[in-house]
C-alpha atoms as a PDB file:
ATOM      1  CA  MET A   1      47.667  -0.083 -76.002  1.00  0.00           C
ATOM      2  CA  ASP A   2      45.617   2.558 -77.777  1.00  0.00           C
ATOM      3  CA  MET A   3      43.249   4.728 -75.776  1.00  0.00           C
ATOM      4  CA  HIS A   4      41.952   6.595 -78.819  1.00  0.00           C
ATOM      5  CA  PRO A   5      38.230   5.716 -79.189  1.00  0.00           C
ATOM      6  CA  SER A   6      36.311   5.946 -82.440  1.00  0.00           C
ATOM      7  CA  ASN A   7      32.568   6.476 -82.742  1.00  0.00           C
ATOM      8  CA  SER A   8      32.621   5.034 -86.235  1.00  0.00           C
ATOM      9  CA  SER A   9      34.335   1.846 -85.097  1.00  0.00           C
ATOM     10  CA  PRO A  10      33.245   1.115 -81.527  1.00  0.00           C
ATOM     11  CA  SER A  11      34.250  -2.527 -81.374  1.00  0.00           C
ATOM     12  CA  CYS A  12      37.682  -3.530 -80.208  1.00  0.00           C
ATOM     13  CA  SER A  13      40.143  -6.340 -80.455  1.00  0.00           C
ATOM     14  CA  SER A  14      40.987  -6.599 -76.743  1.00  0.00           C
ATOM     15  CA  ASP A  15      39.951  -5.337 -73.321  1.00  0.00           C
ATOM     16  CA  SER A  16      42.732  -2.767 -73.403  1.00  0.00           C
ATOM     17  CA  ASN A  17      41.818  -1.265 -76.779  1.00  0.00           C
ATOM     18  CA  VAL A  18      38.775   0.875 -77.548  1.00  0.00           C
ATOM     19  CA  THR A  19      39.193   1.034 -81.293  1.00  0.00           C
ATOM     20  CA  THR A  20      39.919  -1.663 -83.870  1.00  0.00           C
ATOM     21  CA  SER A  21      42.320   0.474 -85.855  1.00  0.00           C
ATOM     22  CA  SER A  22      45.330   1.451 -83.812  1.00  0.00           C
ATOM     23  CA  SER A  23      47.374   2.122 -86.927  1.00  0.00           C
ATOM     24  CA  SER A  24      45.220   5.118 -87.808  1.00  0.00           C
ATOM     25  CA  ALA A  25      45.441   6.671 -84.351  1.00  0.00           C
ATOM     26  CA  ASP A  26      47.601   9.700 -83.697  1.00  0.00           C
ATOM     27  CA  PRO A  27      50.750   8.402 -81.937  1.00  0.00           C
ATOM     28  CA  SER A  28      50.480  11.286 -79.473  1.00  0.00           C
ATOM     29  CA  THR A  29      47.143   9.944 -78.195  1.00  0.00           C
ATOM     30  CA  THR A  30      48.358   6.521 -77.055  1.00  0.00           C
ATOM     31  CA  ILE A  31      48.831   5.276 -73.516  1.00  0.00           C
ATOM     32  CA  LEU A  32      52.487   6.341 -73.723  1.00  0.00           C
ATOM     33  CA  ALA A  33      51.237   9.900 -73.187  1.00  0.00           C
ATOM     34  CA  LEU A  34      50.990   8.927 -69.509  1.00  0.00           C
ATOM     35  CA  LEU A  35      54.770   8.600 -69.370  1.00  0.00           C
ATOM     36  CA  ASP A  36      55.537  11.917 -71.071  1.00  0.00           C
ATOM     37  CA  SER A  37      56.722  14.579 -68.637  1.00  0.00           C
ATOM     38  CA  ASP A  38      55.327  17.186 -71.023  1.00  0.00           C
ATOM     39  CA  PRO A  39      51.642  17.594 -70.061  1.00  0.00           C
ATOM     40  CA  SER A  40      50.705  18.610 -73.610  1.00  0.00           C
ATOM     41  CA  ALA A  41      50.684  14.983 -74.781  1.00  0.00           C
ATOM     42  CA  PHE A  42      48.224  14.004 -72.058  1.00  0.00           C
ATOM     43  CA  ALA A  43      46.163  17.121 -72.796  1.00  0.00           C
ATOM     44  CA  THR A  44      45.976  16.026 -76.440  1.00  0.00           C
ATOM     45  CA  LEU A  45      44.799  12.610 -75.332  1.00  0.00           C
ATOM     46  CA  THR A  46      42.131  14.124 -73.088  1.00  0.00           C
ATOM     47  CA  THR A  47      40.907  16.466 -75.828  1.00  0.00           C
ATOM     48  CA  SER A  48      40.729  13.560 -78.284  1.00  0.00           C
ATOM     49  CA  LEU A  49      38.696  11.461 -75.879  1.00  0.00           C
ATOM     50  CA  LEU A  50      36.207  14.221 -75.133  1.00  0.00           C
ATOM     51  CA  ALA A  51      35.874  15.044 -78.837  1.00  0.00           C
ATOM     52  CA  SER A  52      34.936  11.429 -79.541  1.00  0.00           C
ATOM     53  CA  VAL A  53      31.755  11.651 -77.442  1.00  0.00           C
ATOM     54  CA  ALA A  54      28.528  11.743 -79.435  1.00  0.00           C
ATOM     55  CA  PRO A  55      26.732  15.105 -78.991  1.00  0.00           C
ATOM     56  CA  GLY A  56      24.033  14.924 -76.338  1.00  0.00           C
ATOM     57  CA  ASP A  57      25.045  11.488 -75.015  1.00  0.00           C
ATOM     58  CA  ALA A  58      25.338  12.181 -71.289  1.00  0.00           C
ATOM     59  CA  GLN A  59      26.047   8.558 -70.385  1.00  0.00           C
ATOM     60  CA  GLU A  60      28.952   8.282 -72.812  1.00  0.00           C
ATOM     61  CA  ARG A  61      30.304  11.619 -71.593  1.00  0.00           C
ATOM     62  CA  LEU A  62      30.311  10.358 -67.996  1.00  0.00           C
ATOM     63  CA  LEU A  63      32.105   7.162 -68.975  1.00  0.00           C
ATOM     64  CA  VAL A  64      34.754   9.103 -70.898  1.00  0.00           C
ATOM     65  CA  GLU A  65      35.255  11.478 -67.960  1.00  0.00           C
ATOM     66  CA  LEU A  66      35.646   8.460 -65.647  1.00  0.00           C
ATOM     67  CA  LEU A  67      38.267   7.074 -68.020  1.00  0.00           C
ATOM     68  CA  ILE A  68      40.143  10.385 -68.026  1.00  0.00           C
ATOM     69  CA  LEU A  69      40.122  10.560 -64.214  1.00  0.00           C
ATOM     70  CA  ALA A  70      41.456   7.007 -64.042  1.00  0.00           C
ATOM     71  CA  ALA A  71      44.151   7.864 -66.593  1.00  0.00           C
ATOM     72  CA  GLN A  72      45.172  10.872 -64.498  1.00  0.00           C
ATOM     73  CA  ARG A  73      45.692   8.593 -61.496  1.00  0.00           C
ATOM     74  CA  LEU A  74      47.731   6.194 -63.615  1.00  0.00           C
ATOM     75  CA  ARG A  75      49.811   9.099 -64.942  1.00  0.00           C
ATOM     76  CA  LYS A  76      50.453  10.285 -61.377  1.00  0.00           C
ATOM     77  CA  ALA A  77      51.616   6.784 -60.421  1.00  0.00           C
ATOM     78  CA  SER A  78      53.902   6.579 -63.465  1.00  0.00           C
ATOM     79  CA  GLN A  79      55.504   9.925 -62.710  1.00  0.00           C
ATOM     80  CA  ALA A  80      56.078   8.992 -59.059  1.00  0.00           C
ATOM     81  CA  GLU A  81      57.923   5.782 -59.925  1.00  0.00           C
ATOM     82  CA  SER A  82      61.598   5.978 -59.110  1.00  0.00           C
ATOM     83  CA  ALA A  83      64.031   5.140 -61.901  1.00  0.00           C
ATOM     84  CA  THR A  84      66.751   4.102 -59.470  1.00  0.00           C
ATOM     85  CA  GLU A  85      65.037   2.582 -56.436  1.00  0.00           C
ATOM     86  CA  ILE A  86      62.622  -0.304 -55.935  1.00  0.00           C
ATOM     87  CA  PRO A  87      59.151   1.242 -55.344  1.00  0.00           C
ATOM     88  CA  ASP A  88      57.843   1.112 -51.795  1.00  0.00           C
ATOM     89  CA  LEU A  89      54.615  -0.608 -50.778  1.00  0.00           C
ATOM     90  CA  ALA A  90      52.608   2.628 -50.786  1.00  0.00           C
ATOM     91  CA  TRP A  91      53.508   3.267 -54.428  1.00  0.00           C
ATOM     92  CA  CYS A  92      52.787  -0.335 -55.402  1.00  0.00           C
ATOM     93  CA  ARG A  93      49.333  -0.163 -53.839  1.00  0.00           C
ATOM     94  CA  TYR A  94      48.541   3.161 -55.495  1.00  0.00           C
ATOM     95  CA  GLN A  95      49.774   1.964 -58.895  1.00  0.00           C
ATOM     96  CA  THR A  96      47.804  -1.284 -58.625  1.00  0.00           C
ATOM     97  CA  LEU A  97      44.582   0.575 -57.813  1.00  0.00           C
ATOM     98  CA  ALA A  98      45.202   3.116 -60.569  1.00  0.00           C
ATOM     99  CA  ASP A  99      45.766   0.360 -63.113  1.00  0.00           C
ATOM    100  CA  ARG A 100      42.612  -1.527 -62.078  1.00  0.00           C
ATOM    101  CA  ASN A 101      40.486   1.624 -62.185  1.00  0.00           C
ATOM    102  CA  PHE A 102      41.858   2.519 -65.610  1.00  0.00           C
ATOM    103  CA  ARG A 103      41.181  -0.923 -67.064  1.00  0.00           C
ATOM    104  CA  SER A 104      37.692  -1.019 -65.549  1.00  0.00           C
ATOM    105  CA  ALA A 105      36.804   2.416 -66.950  1.00  0.00           C
ATOM    106  CA  LEU A 106      38.167   1.484 -70.364  1.00  0.00           C
ATOM    107  CA  LYS A 107      36.149  -1.739 -70.395  1.00  0.00           C
ATOM    108  CA  ASP A 108      32.947   0.060 -69.348  1.00  0.00           C
ATOM    109  CA  LEU A 109      33.332   2.576 -72.179  1.00  0.00           C
ATOM    110  CA  ARG A 110      34.012  -0.167 -74.692  1.00  0.00           C
ATOM    111  CA  HIS A 111      30.936  -2.144 -73.602  1.00  0.00           C
ATOM    112  CA  TYR A 112      28.758   0.939 -73.787  1.00  0.00           C
ATOM    113  CA  ARG A 113      29.891   1.827 -77.310  1.00  0.00           C
ATOM    114  CA  ASP A 114      29.520  -1.760 -78.492  1.00  0.00           C
ATOM    115  CA  HIS A 115      26.008  -1.836 -77.047  1.00  0.00           C
ATOM    116  CA  LYS A 116      25.073   1.497 -78.597  1.00  0.00           C
ATOM    117  CA  ALA A 117      26.324   0.335 -81.988  1.00  0.00           C
ATOM    118  CA  GLY A 118      24.129  -2.752 -81.769  1.00  0.00           C
ATOM    119  CA  SER A 119      27.007  -5.202 -81.834  1.00  0.00           C
ATOM    120  CA  ALA A 120      26.599  -8.656 -80.351  1.00  0.00           C
ATOM    121  CA  PRO A 121      27.810  -8.994 -76.759  1.00  0.00           C
ATOM    122  CA  ARG A 122      31.308 -10.388 -76.458  1.00  0.00           C
ATOM    123  CA  PRO A 123      31.697 -13.714 -74.671  1.00  0.00           C
ATOM    124  CA  SER A 124      33.729 -13.265 -71.537  1.00  0.00           C
ATOM    125  CA  LYS A 125      34.582 -15.262 -68.499  1.00  0.00           C
ATOM    126  CA  PRO A 126      32.828 -14.256 -65.263  1.00  0.00           C
ATOM    127  CA  SER A 127      34.788 -11.691 -63.279  1.00  0.00           C
ATOM    128  CA  ARG A 128      34.386  -9.550 -60.231  1.00  0.00           C
ATOM    129  CA  SER A 129      33.516  -6.569 -62.463  1.00  0.00           C
ATOM    130  CA  SER A 130      30.960  -8.383 -64.648  1.00  0.00           C
ATOM    131  CA  THR A 131      27.951  -6.947 -62.848  1.00  0.00           C
ATOM    132  CA  SER A 132      29.187  -3.364 -62.875  1.00  0.00           C
ATOM    133  CA  SER A 133      30.281  -3.557 -66.522  1.00  0.00           C
ATOM    134  CA  THR A 134      26.875  -4.807 -67.581  1.00  0.00           C
ATOM    135  CA  SER A 135      25.008  -2.132 -65.658  1.00  0.00           C
ATOM    136  CA  ALA A 136      27.130   0.629 -67.157  1.00  0.00           C
ATOM    137  CA  ILE A 137      25.845   0.024 -70.702  1.00  0.00           C
ATOM    138  CA  ASP A 138      22.290   1.221 -70.051  1.00  0.00           C
ATOM    139  CA  PRO A 139      21.931   4.235 -72.375  1.00  0.00           C
ATOM    140  CA  SER A 140      19.165   5.778 -70.240  1.00  0.00           C
ATOM    141  CA  PRO A 141      20.637   7.066 -66.949  1.00  0.00           C
ATOM    142  CA  ALA A 142      18.376   6.170 -64.033  1.00  0.00           C
ATOM    143  CA  PRO A 143      17.589   8.507 -61.132  1.00  0.00           C
ATOM    144  CA  LEU A 144      20.139   8.316 -58.346  1.00  0.00           C
ATOM    145  CA  PRO A 145      19.023   5.848 -55.664  1.00  0.00           C
ATOM    146  CA  GLU A 146      18.157   7.270 -52.273  1.00  0.00           C
ATOM    147  CA  SER A 147      18.828   5.803 -48.836  1.00  0.00           C
ATOM    148  CA  THR A 148      17.078   6.792 -45.633  1.00  0.00           C
ATOM    149  CA  PRO A 149      19.150   8.138 -42.726  1.00  0.00           C
ATOM    150  CA  GLU A 150      18.306   4.934 -40.870  1.00  0.00           C
ATOM    151  CA  GLU A 151      19.631   2.767 -43.714  1.00  0.00           C
ATOM    152  CA  ILE A 152      22.828   4.805 -43.900  1.00  0.00           C
ATOM    153  CA  ALA A 153      23.415   4.581 -40.150  1.00  0.00           C
ATOM    154  CA  ASP A 154      22.710   0.845 -40.124  1.00  0.00           C
ATOM    155  CA  ALA A 155      25.058   0.217 -43.069  1.00  0.00           C
ATOM    156  CA  SER A 156      27.828   2.126 -41.315  1.00  0.00           C
ATOM    157  CA  ALA A 157      27.362   0.331 -38.008  1.00  0.00           C
ATOM    158  CA  ASN A 158      26.856  -3.113 -39.557  1.00  0.00           C
ATOM    159  CA  TRP A 159      29.017  -2.926 -42.660  1.00  0.00           C
ATOM    160  CA  ARG A 160      29.963  -6.581 -42.310  1.00  0.00           C
ATOM    161  CA  SER A 161      26.406  -7.433 -43.395  1.00  0.00           C
ATOM    162  CA  HIS A 162      27.117  -5.704 -46.716  1.00  0.00           C
ATOM    163  CA  ILE A 163      30.802  -6.466 -47.333  1.00  0.00           C
ATOM    164  CA  ALA A 164      32.937  -9.591 -47.367  1.00  0.00           C
ATOM    165  CA  LEU A 165      36.012 -11.040 -49.001  1.00  0.00           C
ATOM    166  CA  VAL A 166      34.649 -13.702 -51.357  1.00  0.00           C
ATOM    167  CA  ARG A 167      37.366 -16.181 -52.285  1.00  0.00           C
ATOM    168  CA  SER A 168      35.626 -17.278 -55.493  1.00  0.00           C
ATOM    169  CA  MET A 169      35.843 -13.678 -56.734  1.00  0.00           C
ATOM    170  CA  SER A 170      39.118 -12.477 -55.242  1.00  0.00           C
ATOM    171  CA  GLU A 171      41.394 -13.531 -52.422  1.00  0.00           C
ATOM    172  CA  GLN A 172      42.715  -9.973 -52.102  1.00  0.00           C
ATOM    173  CA  TRP A 173      39.806  -7.517 -52.341  1.00  0.00           C
ATOM    174  CA  PRO A 174      36.595  -7.361 -50.248  1.00  0.00           C
ATOM    175  CA  VAL A 175      33.442  -6.587 -52.229  1.00  0.00           C
ATOM    176  CA  LEU A 176      30.022  -5.068 -51.772  1.00  0.00           C
ATOM    177  CA  LEU A 177      28.010  -8.270 -51.866  1.00  0.00           C
ATOM    178  CA  ARG A 178      24.913  -6.781 -53.467  1.00  0.00           C
ATOM    179  CA  LEU A 179      26.772  -5.195 -56.394  1.00  0.00           C
ATOM    180  CA  ARG A 180      29.908  -7.369 -56.532  1.00  0.00           C
ATOM    181  CA  ARG A 181      31.831  -4.100 -56.608  1.00  0.00           C
ATOM    182  CA  GLU A 182      35.195  -4.017 -54.886  1.00  0.00           C
ATOM    183  CA  VAL A 183      35.117  -1.800 -51.810  1.00  0.00           C
ATOM    184  CA  GLU A 184      38.433  -0.216 -52.745  1.00  0.00           C
ATOM    185  CA  ASP A 185      36.907   1.048 -56.017  1.00  0.00           C
ATOM    186  CA  VAL A 186      34.595   3.225 -53.939  1.00  0.00           C
ATOM    187  CA  ALA A 187      37.020   4.069 -51.132  1.00  0.00           C
ATOM    188  CA  ALA A 188      39.811   5.112 -53.512  1.00  0.00           C
ATOM    189  CA  TRP A 189      37.585   7.587 -55.361  1.00  0.00           C
ATOM    190  CA  LEU A 190      36.262   9.022 -52.084  1.00  0.00           C
ATOM    191  CA  ALA A 191      39.852   9.501 -50.917  1.00  0.00           C
ATOM    192  CA  ASP A 192      40.532  11.245 -54.215  1.00  0.00           C
ATOM    193  CA  GLY A 193      37.849  13.827 -53.394  1.00  0.00           C
ATOM    194  CA  LYS A 194      34.978  12.558 -55.523  1.00  0.00           C
ATOM    195  CA  THR A 195      31.443  13.106 -54.238  1.00  0.00           C
ATOM    196  CA  GLU A 196      28.866  10.467 -53.429  1.00  0.00           C
ATOM    197  CA  GLU A 197      26.699  11.805 -56.264  1.00  0.00           C
ATOM    198  CA  GLU A 198      29.528  11.279 -58.751  1.00  0.00           C
ATOM    199  CA  LEU A 199      30.081   7.716 -57.581  1.00  0.00           C
ATOM    200  CA  MET A 200      26.372   6.859 -57.732  1.00  0.00           C
ATOM    201  CA  THR A 201      26.275   8.193 -61.281  1.00  0.00           C
ATOM    202  CA  TRP A 202      29.369   6.269 -62.345  1.00  0.00           C
ATOM    203  CA  TYR A 203      28.325   3.018 -60.644  1.00  0.00           C
ATOM    204  CA  PRO A 204      24.595   2.413 -61.322  1.00  0.00           C
ATOM    205  CA  GLY A 205      22.846   0.823 -58.348  1.00  0.00           C
ATOM    206  CA  LEU A 206      25.309   2.147 -55.769  1.00  0.00           C
ATOM    207  CA  THR A 207      23.489   3.772 -52.842  1.00  0.00           C
ATOM    208  CA  ARG A 208      24.500   6.092 -50.017  1.00  0.00           C
ATOM    209  CA  ALA A 209      24.073   3.128 -47.670  1.00  0.00           C
ATOM    210  CA  ASP A 210      26.584   1.158 -49.766  1.00  0.00           C
ATOM    211  CA  ILE A 211      28.986   4.102 -49.606  1.00  0.00           C
ATOM    212  CA  ALA A 212      28.541   4.342 -45.831  1.00  0.00           C
ATOM    213  CA  ALA A 213      29.454   0.662 -45.528  1.00  0.00           C
ATOM    214  CA  CYS A 214      32.551   1.234 -47.676  1.00  0.00           C
ATOM    215  CA  ARG A 215      33.597   4.205 -45.535  1.00  0.00           C
ATOM    216  CA  ALA A 216      33.241   2.144 -42.350  1.00  0.00           C
ATOM    217  CA  CYS A 217      35.239  -0.752 -43.836  1.00  0.00           C
ATOM    218  CA  ASP A 218      37.935   1.656 -44.991  1.00  0.00           C
ATOM    219  CA  ALA A 219      38.060   3.314 -41.548  1.00  0.00           C
ATOM    220  CA  GLU A 220      39.031  -0.058 -40.081  1.00  0.00           C
ATOM    221  CA  GLY A 221      41.702  -0.567 -42.737  1.00  0.00           C
ATOM    222  CA  LEU A 222      39.993  -3.629 -44.206  1.00  0.00           C
ATOM    223  CA  CYS A 223      39.557  -2.625 -47.856  1.00  0.00           C
ATOM    224  CA  GLY A 224      42.540  -4.719 -48.984  1.00  0.00           C
ATOM    225  CA  PRO A 225      44.568  -5.830 -50.703  1.00  0.00           C
ATOM    226  CA  PHE A 226      45.326  -8.933 -48.660  1.00  0.00           C
ATOM    227  CA  ASP A 227      47.837 -11.588 -49.595  1.00  0.00           C
ATOM    228  CA  PRO A 228      46.817 -15.118 -48.529  1.00  0.00           C
ATOM    229  CA  ALA A 229      50.510 -15.994 -48.403  1.00  0.00           C
ATOM    230  CA  ASP A 230      50.888 -13.615 -45.460  1.00  0.00           C
ATOM    231  CA  GLY A 231      48.754 -15.826 -43.237  1.00  0.00           C
ATOM    232  CA  PRO A 232      45.180 -15.622 -41.885  1.00  0.00           C
ATOM    233  CA  TYR A 233      42.958 -12.724 -42.888  1.00  0.00           C
ATOM    234  CA  PRO A 234      42.617  -9.904 -40.328  1.00  0.00           C
ATOM    235  CA  PRO A 235      40.158 -10.443 -37.480  1.00  0.00           C
ATOM    236  CA  GLY A 236      36.848  -8.742 -38.150  1.00  0.00           C
ATOM    237  CA  LEU A 237      36.932  -9.247 -41.926  1.00  0.00           C
ATOM    238  CA  PRO A 238      34.070 -11.455 -43.148  1.00  0.00           C
ATOM    239  CA  VAL A 239      35.463 -14.153 -45.452  1.00  0.00           C
ATOM    240  CA  LEU A 240      33.260 -16.349 -47.670  1.00  0.00           C
ATOM    241  CA  ASP A 241      34.104 -19.130 -50.079  1.00  0.00           C
ATOM    242  CA  ASP A 242      31.374 -18.002 -52.482  1.00  0.00           C
ATOM    243  CA  LEU A 243      28.587 -15.446 -52.767  1.00  0.00           C
ATOM    244  CA  PRO A 244      25.476 -16.153 -50.699  1.00  0.00           C
ATOM    245  CA  ASP A 245      22.447 -17.318 -52.677  1.00  0.00           C
ATOM    246  CA  ASP A 246      20.641 -13.989 -52.367  1.00  0.00           C
ATOM    247  CA  ASN A 247      23.832 -11.854 -52.671  1.00  0.00           C
ATOM    248  CA  SER A 248      22.547  -9.750 -49.789  1.00  0.00           C
ATOM    249  CA  GLY A 249      25.037 -10.545 -47.087  1.00  0.00           C
ATOM    250  CA  PRO A 250      27.210 -13.130 -45.355  1.00  0.00           C
END
C-alpha cells in the first residue's frame, strides 16, 4: 500500500492507494516506513506528503496533516506490538482505531484530490463514513460552526438524543446521528490531545455541542467497540435498527 500522493495523478486504483503509479514511488515512502524502527524513513514519508500539497491550498494541507497524524498513531501501534506475545485487548483496540483513522484520512484526501482534478465521482457502496467523506471534499473551508452554552450543556446532559448504535451502519460503534460520524473518531482524537477547533476543521459540520455529546458518551464508557456475540448491549446505550427519518435523534 503506497501512501505517496501525486498532484499530477490524483486518482487511485483502490481505497488504500492515493496515487495510480506505485512503481514510480520512492520505496522509502511506502506504508512499510511505519514498521521501520529508524524514524528517518517515517520522516521522509512525512516530508514527501507535505511537499505534495499544492501551494496555498489550506484544505488539502489540513487533510494531509490529518493523514500524517493518523499514520503516527498507526506507527505507534505497530511499534508497541509484541513479537513474542499475543497482544492484549488494550493494544487491539488502539490498533483497530488507528487503522480506521488512517484509512478514513487516506480516503478523504483521495476524494478531495479527485474532486479538485475534476474527475468523475467513484461509485461506492454506502458506508458509515460516506457523509463525512463527501463533506471533506469542499474546496472552500466554511466558518467553524458555533454552539450556544445552552446547546452544549443540553448535548452533554442528553447525549442519548444525539448518539446511538445503529445496527444498519455498525453493530460495534455508536455514531453521531446527525453526521453519521462514529463517536470514537471524535473521542480518540480528544484523548490524543487535539483541540475542539482542530476537530471542527477536520470534520466539517461538527459542532461543540456534538463534541460535548461525544465527551459525555465517552465518560460513561459507551463509545465502543461492542461485540454482539458477547450478549446484550450495555444498559443506557441507545440502539436502533436504522437511522431515524430526520437523522436528528432516536
